Amino acid sequence: MTILSGVHSADSSGPGKVGENASECQDSIAEVQLSNRVDEWKWLGEDVGTFSVKSIMLDIDRGGGTGIKFKWYKWVTLKCNIMAWRANLDRLATRVNSRRRNMSIPSVMWLMCEEGEETAEHLFTACIFSNCVWLSFSSWCNIPHIFVFSVKDIMEMHGYIQIGRKAKKIIHGLAMITVWCIWKEKNETMFQNKEM
C-alpha cells in the first residue's frame, strides 16, 4: 500500500498505476459535498423511510430485487416459510449448490433414486419419491392430481386450482409445509441413515 498526498492506493500492478489510482480517488473525493445536517438512516423499502419487518415481507412478496415473488403466511411456521422461500430462490444447501460453492462433494447425485443430480428441482419435483408425495398431497386435499416441474410450479399451483380464495391460501401454505417435510426427510435420510 502506498500513500500519496493522503490518498491510499492498494493496487500493486505497477508504479504508474499508483499515481492514476490516487488521482481517481482524489477526483472521487472532490465530488463529495459535505453539509452541516445531521446524518440520518433512511429505509428505502417504505415511503416514510422507517424500517419494519412488515416492509421487508412486502418487499419479498413483490419480488424484492430478485424478480421472484413469494407470499408469506403467518399460520405457516417460520422455518417452513423460510425454507420454501430459499427453495424458490434455489438457495438450499443441495449437493449441486454446495459444489457450486466449492465444497468438496464426492458425488452430486441424489442418493435415494440416483436418477438425477441433487438439486431443488429434482428433490421436490422430478424424484419418484416427491412425485408420490405430491400424488398423496392432491388426494388428501381432494384436488386434481398435481404435476409439478419446478419449485416455482409448486409455489404457484394453488392459483390454477378451481377452488375458493381461502382454500387457495390453505393449499399454498400446505404446499410450503410439504416442501419443508420433503427437505426434512431428505436430511434425516442423508445424515441419520433413516430409510425413506
C-alpha atoms as a PDB file:
ATOM      1  CA  MET A   1       0.000   0.000   0.000  1.00  0.00           C
ATOM      2  CA  THR A   2       1.294   3.425  -0.921  1.00  0.00           C
ATOM      3  CA  ILE A   3       0.215   6.790   0.453  1.00  0.00           C
ATOM      4  CA  LEU A   4       0.303   9.717  -1.977  1.00  0.00           C
ATOM      5  CA  SER A   5      -0.921  13.092  -0.787  1.00  0.00           C
ATOM      6  CA  GLY A   6      -3.053  11.450   1.891  1.00  0.00           C
ATOM      7  CA  VAL A   7      -4.712   9.017  -0.543  1.00  0.00           C
ATOM      8  CA  HIS A   8      -4.221   5.281  -0.072  1.00  0.00           C
ATOM      9  CA  SER A   9      -3.638   3.039  -3.055  1.00  0.00           C
ATOM     10  CA  ALA A  10      -3.671  -0.758  -2.708  1.00  0.00           C
ATOM     11  CA  ASP A  11      -3.094  -1.503  -6.399  1.00  0.00           C
ATOM     12  CA  SER A  12       0.249  -3.226  -6.850  1.00  0.00           C
ATOM     13  CA  SER A  13       0.065  -3.605 -10.615  1.00  0.00           C
ATOM     14  CA  GLY A  14       2.910  -1.202 -11.223  1.00  0.00           C
ATOM     15  CA  PRO A  15       4.363   2.142 -10.251  1.00  0.00           C
ATOM     16  CA  GLY A  16       2.500   4.041 -12.997  1.00  0.00           C
ATOM     17  CA  LYS A  17      -0.849   2.708 -11.763  1.00  0.00           C
ATOM     18  CA  VAL A  18      -0.386   4.074  -8.238  1.00  0.00           C
ATOM     19  CA  GLY A  19      -0.470   7.671  -9.442  1.00  0.00           C
ATOM     20  CA  GLU A  20      -3.505   7.019 -11.657  1.00  0.00           C
ATOM     21  CA  ASN A  21      -5.432   5.385  -8.781  1.00  0.00           C
ATOM     22  CA  ALA A  22      -4.524   8.193  -6.432  1.00  0.00           C
ATOM     23  CA  SER A  23      -5.766  10.710  -8.962  1.00  0.00           C
ATOM     24  CA  GLU A  24      -9.041   8.762  -9.386  1.00  0.00           C
ATOM     25  CA  CYS A  25      -9.525   8.678  -5.598  1.00  0.00           C
ATOM     26  CA  GLN A  26      -8.883  12.381  -5.291  1.00  0.00           C
ATOM     27  CA  ASP A  27     -11.382  13.063  -8.106  1.00  0.00           C
ATOM     28  CA  SER A  28     -13.995  10.881  -6.354  1.00  0.00           C
ATOM     29  CA  ILE A  29     -13.462  12.616  -3.028  1.00  0.00           C
ATOM     30  CA  ALA A  30     -13.676  16.037  -4.684  1.00  0.00           C
ATOM     31  CA  GLU A  31     -17.237  15.177  -5.819  1.00  0.00           C
ATOM     32  CA  VAL A  32     -18.404  14.637  -2.227  1.00  0.00           C
ATOM     33  CA  GLN A  33     -20.384  17.530  -0.823  1.00  0.00           C
ATOM     34  CA  LEU A  34     -20.485  17.982   2.922  1.00  0.00           C
ATOM     35  CA  SER A  35     -23.197  19.802   4.847  1.00  0.00           C
ATOM     36  CA  ASN A  36     -23.974  20.723   8.437  1.00  0.00           C
ATOM     37  CA  ARG A  37     -27.059  18.458   8.527  1.00  0.00           C
ATOM     38  CA  VAL A  38     -27.183  15.601  10.993  1.00  0.00           C
ATOM     39  CA  ASP A  39     -26.618  12.224   9.315  1.00  0.00           C
ATOM     40  CA  GLU A  40     -29.682  10.007   9.105  1.00  0.00           C
ATOM     41  CA  TRP A  41     -30.537   6.495   8.073  1.00  0.00           C
ATOM     42  CA  LYS A  42     -33.424   6.056   5.669  1.00  0.00           C
ATOM     43  CA  TRP A  43     -35.066   2.742   4.802  1.00  0.00           C
ATOM     44  CA  LEU A  44     -35.852   2.712   1.088  1.00  0.00           C
ATOM     45  CA  GLY A  45     -38.413  -0.067   1.481  1.00  0.00           C
ATOM     46  CA  GLU A  46     -41.131   2.373   2.585  1.00  0.00           C
ATOM     47  CA  ASP A  47     -42.080   5.909   1.630  1.00  0.00           C
ATOM     48  CA  VAL A  48     -41.804   7.156   5.217  1.00  0.00           C
ATOM     49  CA  GLY A  49     -38.234   5.863   5.447  1.00  0.00           C
ATOM     50  CA  THR A  50     -38.623   3.866   8.668  1.00  0.00           C
ATOM     51  CA  PHE A  51     -37.611   0.221   8.847  1.00  0.00           C
ATOM     52  CA  SER A  52     -40.090  -2.512   9.708  1.00  0.00           C
ATOM     53  CA  VAL A  53     -40.264  -6.284   9.312  1.00  0.00           C
ATOM     54  CA  LYS A  54     -43.580  -5.776   7.532  1.00  0.00           C
ATOM     55  CA  SER A  55     -41.850  -3.683   4.855  1.00  0.00           C
ATOM     56  CA  ILE A  56     -39.315  -6.481   4.270  1.00  0.00           C
ATOM     57  CA  MET A  57     -42.114  -9.045   3.946  1.00  0.00           C
ATOM     58  CA  LEU A  58     -43.948  -6.801   1.477  1.00  0.00           C
ATOM     59  CA  ASP A  59     -40.724  -6.303  -0.474  1.00  0.00           C
ATOM     60  CA  ILE A  60     -40.221 -10.076  -0.669  1.00  0.00           C
ATOM     61  CA  ASP A  61     -43.884 -10.520  -1.679  1.00  0.00           C
ATOM     62  CA  ARG A  62     -43.231  -8.147  -4.601  1.00  0.00           C
ATOM     63  CA  GLY A  63     -40.033  -9.900  -5.675  1.00  0.00           C
ATOM     64  CA  GLY A  64     -37.544  -7.880  -3.614  1.00  0.00           C
ATOM     65  CA  GLY A  65     -34.963  -7.281  -6.332  1.00  0.00           C
ATOM     66  CA  THR A  66     -34.900 -10.955  -7.320  1.00  0.00           C
ATOM     67  CA  GLY A  67     -37.941 -10.764  -9.558  1.00  0.00           C
ATOM     68  CA  ILE A  68     -39.302 -13.853  -7.787  1.00  0.00           C
ATOM     69  CA  LYS A  69     -42.487 -13.146  -5.884  1.00  0.00           C
ATOM     70  CA  PHE A  70     -43.181 -15.049  -2.683  1.00  0.00           C
ATOM     71  CA  LYS A  71     -46.172 -14.988  -0.345  1.00  0.00           C
ATOM     72  CA  TRP A  72     -45.579 -15.498   3.392  1.00  0.00           C
ATOM     73  CA  TYR A  73     -48.268 -16.944   5.655  1.00  0.00           C
ATOM     74  CA  LYS A  74     -48.367 -16.210   9.378  1.00  0.00           C
ATOM     75  CA  TRP A  75     -50.092 -19.512  10.141  1.00  0.00           C
ATOM     76  CA  VAL A  76     -47.269 -21.481   8.479  1.00  0.00           C
ATOM     77  CA  THR A  77     -44.278 -21.870  10.779  1.00  0.00           C
ATOM     78  CA  LEU A  78     -41.388 -19.515  10.093  1.00  0.00           C
ATOM     79  CA  LYS A  79     -38.990 -22.375   9.301  1.00  0.00           C
ATOM     80  CA  CYS A  80     -41.374 -23.626   6.580  1.00  0.00           C
ATOM     81  CA  ASN A  81     -41.812 -20.129   5.131  1.00  0.00           C
ATOM     82  CA  ILE A  82     -38.056 -19.512   5.040  1.00  0.00           C
ATOM     83  CA  MET A  83     -37.237 -22.957   3.632  1.00  0.00           C
ATOM     84  CA  ALA A  84     -39.856 -22.616   0.866  1.00  0.00           C
ATOM     85  CA  TRP A  85     -38.597 -19.100   0.094  1.00  0.00           C
ATOM     86  CA  ARG A  86     -34.997 -20.351  -0.161  1.00  0.00           C
ATOM     87  CA  ALA A  87     -36.118 -23.293  -2.314  1.00  0.00           C
ATOM     88  CA  ASN A  88     -37.924 -20.854  -4.605  1.00  0.00           C
ATOM     89  CA  LEU A  89     -34.675 -18.856  -4.954  1.00  0.00           C
ATOM     90  CA  ASP A  90     -32.584 -22.056  -5.411  1.00  0.00           C
ATOM     91  CA  ARG A  91     -30.617 -21.201  -2.262  1.00  0.00           C
ATOM     92  CA  LEU A  92     -30.867 -24.539  -0.454  1.00  0.00           C
ATOM     93  CA  ALA A  93     -27.761 -26.493   0.515  1.00  0.00           C
ATOM     94  CA  THR A  94     -28.237 -29.190  -2.109  1.00  0.00           C
ATOM     95  CA  ARG A  95     -25.246 -31.157  -3.335  1.00  0.00           C
ATOM     96  CA  VAL A  96     -25.149 -29.218  -6.603  1.00  0.00           C
ATOM     97  CA  ASN A  97     -25.303 -25.843  -4.811  1.00  0.00           C
ATOM     98  CA  SER A  98     -22.669 -26.991  -2.316  1.00  0.00           C
ATOM     99  CA  ARG A  99     -20.318 -27.979  -5.115  1.00  0.00           C
ATOM    100  CA  ARG A 100     -21.022 -24.620  -6.789  1.00  0.00           C
ATOM    101  CA  ARG A 101     -19.746 -23.023  -3.549  1.00  0.00           C
ATOM    102  CA  ASN A 102     -16.509 -25.025  -3.895  1.00  0.00           C
ATOM    103  CA  MET A 103     -17.327 -27.587  -1.214  1.00  0.00           C
ATOM    104  CA  SER A 104     -15.750 -30.988  -1.661  1.00  0.00           C
ATOM    105  CA  ILE A 105     -18.667 -33.256  -2.612  1.00  0.00           C
ATOM    106  CA  PRO A 106     -17.810 -36.779  -3.856  1.00  0.00           C
ATOM    107  CA  SER A 107     -20.979 -37.020  -5.956  1.00  0.00           C
ATOM    108  CA  VAL A 108     -23.803 -34.625  -6.756  1.00  0.00           C
ATOM    109  CA  MET A 109     -26.239 -37.459  -7.489  1.00  0.00           C
ATOM    110  CA  TRP A 110     -29.307 -37.754  -5.248  1.00  0.00           C
ATOM    111  CA  LEU A 111     -28.683 -40.845  -3.122  1.00  0.00           C
ATOM    112  CA  MET A 112     -32.293 -42.015  -2.880  1.00  0.00           C
ATOM    113  CA  CYS A 113     -33.063 -42.570  -6.545  1.00  0.00           C
ATOM    114  CA  GLU A 114     -29.688 -41.948  -8.236  1.00  0.00           C
ATOM    115  CA  GLU A 115     -31.664 -40.809 -11.277  1.00  0.00           C
ATOM    116  CA  GLY A 116     -30.591 -37.179 -11.150  1.00  0.00           C
ATOM    117  CA  GLU A 117     -28.383 -34.616  -9.512  1.00  0.00           C
ATOM    118  CA  GLU A 118     -29.430 -33.352  -6.086  1.00  0.00           C
ATOM    119  CA  THR A 119     -30.999 -30.029  -6.993  1.00  0.00           C
ATOM    120  CA  ALA A 120     -34.098 -28.400  -5.547  1.00  0.00           C
ATOM    121  CA  GLU A 121     -35.884 -29.126  -8.823  1.00  0.00           C
ATOM    122  CA  HIS A 122     -35.045 -32.816  -8.636  1.00  0.00           C
ATOM    123  CA  LEU A 123     -35.754 -33.210  -4.914  1.00  0.00           C
ATOM    124  CA  PHE A 124     -39.154 -31.514  -4.996  1.00  0.00           C
ATOM    125  CA  THR A 125     -40.448 -32.327  -8.478  1.00  0.00           C
ATOM    126  CA  ALA A 126     -38.539 -34.936 -10.516  1.00  0.00           C
ATOM    127  CA  CYS A 127     -37.702 -37.604  -7.937  1.00  0.00           C
ATOM    128  CA  ILE A 128     -40.070 -40.595  -7.814  1.00  0.00           C
ATOM    129  CA  PHE A 129     -40.341 -40.055  -4.045  1.00  0.00           C
ATOM    130  CA  SER A 130     -41.525 -36.443  -4.400  1.00  0.00           C
ATOM    131  CA  ASN A 131     -43.943 -37.444  -7.187  1.00  0.00           C
ATOM    132  CA  CYS A 132     -45.554 -39.919  -4.770  1.00  0.00           C
ATOM    133  CA  VAL A 133     -45.728 -37.197  -2.116  1.00  0.00           C
ATOM    134  CA  TRP A 134     -47.495 -34.770  -4.490  1.00  0.00           C
ATOM    135  CA  LEU A 135     -49.904 -37.515  -5.581  1.00  0.00           C
ATOM    136  CA  SER A 136     -50.778 -38.181  -1.922  1.00  0.00           C
ATOM    137  CA  PHE A 137     -50.982 -34.426  -1.284  1.00  0.00           C
ATOM    138  CA  SER A 138     -53.563 -33.908  -4.039  1.00  0.00           C
ATOM    139  CA  SER A 139     -55.604 -36.905  -2.881  1.00  0.00           C
ATOM    140  CA  TRP A 140     -55.550 -35.727   0.742  1.00  0.00           C
ATOM    141  CA  CYS A 141     -56.540 -32.154  -0.258  1.00  0.00           C
ATOM    142  CA  ASN A 142     -59.226 -33.522  -2.593  1.00  0.00           C
ATOM    143  CA  ILE A 143     -57.887 -31.568  -5.581  1.00  0.00           C
ATOM    144  CA  PRO A 144     -56.920 -32.750  -9.097  1.00  0.00           C
ATOM    145  CA  HIS A 145     -53.585 -34.562  -9.348  1.00  0.00           C
ATOM    146  CA  ILE A 146     -50.630 -32.209  -9.240  1.00  0.00           C
ATOM    147  CA  PHE A 147     -47.899 -32.390 -11.842  1.00  0.00           C
ATOM    148  CA  VAL A 148     -45.078 -30.009 -10.992  1.00  0.00           C
ATOM    149  CA  PHE A 149     -41.891 -29.488 -12.954  1.00  0.00           C
ATOM    150  CA  SER A 150     -40.197 -26.760 -10.916  1.00  0.00           C
ATOM    151  CA  VAL A 151     -40.239 -25.259  -7.422  1.00  0.00           C
ATOM    152  CA  LYS A 152     -41.964 -22.248  -8.997  1.00  0.00           C
ATOM    153  CA  ASP A 153     -44.777 -24.591 -10.108  1.00  0.00           C
ATOM    154  CA  ILE A 154     -45.195 -25.748  -6.502  1.00  0.00           C
ATOM    155  CA  MET A 155     -45.363 -22.173  -5.229  1.00  0.00           C
ATOM    156  CA  GLU A 156     -47.907 -21.197  -7.896  1.00  0.00           C
ATOM    157  CA  MET A 157     -50.047 -24.349  -8.193  1.00  0.00           C
ATOM    158  CA  HIS A 158     -52.752 -23.007  -5.866  1.00  0.00           C
ATOM    159  CA  GLY A 159     -53.532 -20.311  -8.411  1.00  0.00           C
ATOM    160  CA  TYR A 160     -54.504 -22.851 -11.070  1.00  0.00           C
ATOM    161  CA  ILE A 161     -56.907 -24.913  -8.996  1.00  0.00           C
ATOM    162  CA  GLN A 162     -60.611 -24.081  -9.295  1.00  0.00           C
ATOM    163  CA  ILE A 163     -61.369 -23.540  -5.601  1.00  0.00           C
ATOM    164  CA  GLY A 164     -62.251 -20.595  -3.364  1.00  0.00           C
ATOM    165  CA  ARG A 165     -59.777 -17.874  -2.382  1.00  0.00           C
ATOM    166  CA  LYS A 166     -59.434 -19.060   1.208  1.00  0.00           C
ATOM    167  CA  ALA A 167     -58.927 -22.658   0.063  1.00  0.00           C
ATOM    168  CA  LYS A 168     -56.189 -21.483  -2.329  1.00  0.00           C
ATOM    169  CA  LYS A 169     -54.322 -19.885   0.585  1.00  0.00           C
ATOM    170  CA  ILE A 170     -54.629 -23.104   2.556  1.00  0.00           C
ATOM    171  CA  ILE A 171     -53.357 -25.208  -0.374  1.00  0.00           C
ATOM    172  CA  HIS A 172     -50.428 -22.813  -0.859  1.00  0.00           C
ATOM    173  CA  GLY A 173     -49.492 -22.983   2.832  1.00  0.00           C
ATOM    174  CA  LEU A 174     -49.806 -26.769   2.859  1.00  0.00           C
ATOM    175  CA  ALA A 175     -47.574 -26.962  -0.230  1.00  0.00           C
ATOM    176  CA  MET A 176     -44.912 -24.927   1.613  1.00  0.00           C
ATOM    177  CA  ILE A 177     -45.168 -27.258   4.601  1.00  0.00           C
ATOM    178  CA  THR A 178     -44.907 -30.270   2.277  1.00  0.00           C
ATOM    179  CA  VAL A 179     -41.739 -28.858   0.692  1.00  0.00           C
ATOM    180  CA  TRP A 180     -40.280 -28.492   4.191  1.00  0.00           C
ATOM    181  CA  CYS A 181     -41.289 -32.088   5.049  1.00  0.00           C
ATOM    182  CA  ILE A 182     -39.580 -33.422   1.898  1.00  0.00           C
ATOM    183  CA  TRP A 183     -36.439 -31.443   2.797  1.00  0.00           C
ATOM    184  CA  LYS A 184     -36.535 -32.691   6.393  1.00  0.00           C
ATOM    185  CA  GLU A 185     -36.954 -36.295   5.216  1.00  0.00           C
ATOM    186  CA  LYS A 186     -34.044 -35.852   2.813  1.00  0.00           C
ATOM    187  CA  ASN A 187     -31.811 -34.586   5.640  1.00  0.00           C
ATOM    188  CA  GLU A 188     -32.812 -37.400   8.010  1.00  0.00           C
ATOM    189  CA  THR A 189     -32.105 -39.957   5.289  1.00  0.00           C
ATOM    190  CA  MET A 190     -28.758 -38.398   4.479  1.00  0.00           C
ATOM    191  CA  PHE A 191     -27.443 -37.562   7.946  1.00  0.00           C
ATOM    192  CA  GLN A 192     -29.155 -40.114  10.204  1.00  0.00           C
ATOM    193  CA  ASN A 193     -29.248 -43.049   7.754  1.00  0.00           C
ATOM    194  CA  LYS A 194     -33.021 -43.206   8.033  1.00  0.00           C
ATOM    195  CA  GLU A 195     -34.874 -45.291   5.448  1.00  0.00           C
ATOM    196  CA  MET A 196     -37.430 -43.461   3.305  1.00  0.00           C
END
